[in-house]
Amino acid sequence: MKKNVLLCALLVLGAFSLAGCSSSRYVVVTSDYAAHIAVEKPEIDPATDQFSFRDDSGRMVYVPRSELKYIKEVRQ
């Protein structure tokens, strides 16, 4: 019984550690050098010409293309 519980715990721990390895974050820097951490890839909306993304606190952030300095992917 203890072997089964231990094996299940190790499998769950391994699955969570592998899932964390594949996630990417993005650093979004604006022209005034404000930095945002995006938890998803920023996407451009052609109608408004601005990038939108969800930051690390869960809020939606909108940055006009004219105010964007750069976007860089950061692997964890």
Protein backbone atom coordinates (compact mmCIF):
# COMPACT_ATOMS: atom_id res chain seq x y z
CA MET A 1 0.00 0.00 0.00
CA LYS A 2 2.77 2.46 0.93
CA LYS A 3 4.61 1.64 -2.30
CA ASN A 4 1.55 2.54 -4.37
CA VAL A 5 1.08 5.86 -2.57
CA LEU A 6 4.76 6.69 -2.94
CA LEU A 7 4.73 5.77 -6.63
CA CYS A 8 1.64 7.90 -7.28
CA ALA A 9 3.20 10.85 -5.44
CA LEU A 10 6.39 10.56 -7.50
CA LEU A 11 4.42 10.39 -10.77
CA VAL A 12 2.38 13.47 -9.88
CA LEU A 13 5.50 15.38 -8.84
CA GLY A 14 7.23 14.41 -12.09
CA ALA A 15 4.25 15.52 -14.17
CA PHE A 16 4.15 18.93 -12.46
CA SER A 17 7.87 19.46 -12.88
CA LEU A 18 7.70 18.64 -16.60
CA ALA A 19 4.72 20.92 -17.12
CA GLY A 20 6.64 23.82 -15.58
CA CYS A 21 9.59 23.36 -17.93
CA SER A 22 7.62 24.07 -21.07
CA SER A 23 6.13 27.40 -20.02
CA SER A 24 7.43 30.66 -21.43
CA ARG A 25 7.03 34.21 -20.26
CA TYR A 26 7.66 37.36 -22.22
CA VAL A 27 9.26 40.61 -21.19
CA VAL A 28 7.49 43.54 -22.84
CA VAL A 29 9.35 46.86 -22.66
CA THR A 30 7.71 50.12 -23.70
CA SER A 31 9.37 53.23 -25.12
CA ASP A 32 9.47 54.81 -21.64
CA TYR A 33 11.30 51.65 -20.42
CA ALA A 34 8.41 50.30 -18.34
CA ALA A 35 8.74 46.51 -18.20
CA HIS A 36 5.83 44.08 -18.08
CA ILE A 37 5.97 40.31 -17.62
CA ALA A 38 3.49 38.53 -19.91
CA VAL A 39 2.38 35.00 -19.07
CA GLU A 40 1.12 34.48 -22.61
CA LYS A 41 2.46 35.49 -25.99
CA PRO A 42 1.46 39.11 -26.75
CA GLU A 43 -0.80 39.37 -29.77
CA ILE A 44 -1.33 42.33 -32.08
CA ASP A 45 -4.84 43.56 -32.84
CA PRO A 46 -4.72 45.01 -36.38
CA ALA A 47 -7.86 47.07 -35.83
CA THR A 48 -6.41 49.04 -32.89
CA ASP A 49 -2.70 48.50 -33.73
CA GLN A 50 -1.87 47.52 -30.17
CA PHE A 51 -0.48 44.45 -28.43
CA SER A 52 -2.52 42.75 -25.73
CA PHE A 53 -1.45 40.20 -23.13
CA ARG A 54 -2.15 38.98 -19.61
CA ASP A 55 0.51 40.01 -17.09
CA ASP A 56 1.80 37.99 -14.14
CA SER A 57 -0.86 39.42 -11.81
CA GLY A 58 -3.68 38.35 -14.15
CA ARG A 59 -4.56 41.77 -15.60
CA MET A 60 -4.97 42.45 -19.31
CA VAL A 61 -2.41 44.96 -20.58
CA TYR A 62 -2.66 46.87 -23.87
CA VAL A 63 0.40 48.51 -25.42
CA PRO A 64 0.15 50.52 -28.66
CA ARG A 65 2.66 49.42 -31.28
CA SER A 66 4.09 52.94 -31.42
CA GLU A 67 5.01 52.72 -27.69
CA LEU A 68 6.63 49.28 -27.88
CA LYS A 69 10.41 49.04 -27.50
CA TYR A 70 10.75 45.23 -27.66
CA ILE A 71 9.30 41.85 -26.69
CA LYS A 72 11.61 39.07 -25.56
CA GLU A 73 10.73 35.47 -24.70
CA VAL A 74 12.12 34.20 -21.39
CA ARG A 75 12.15 30.47 -20.76
CA GLN A 76 11.85 29.28 -17.19
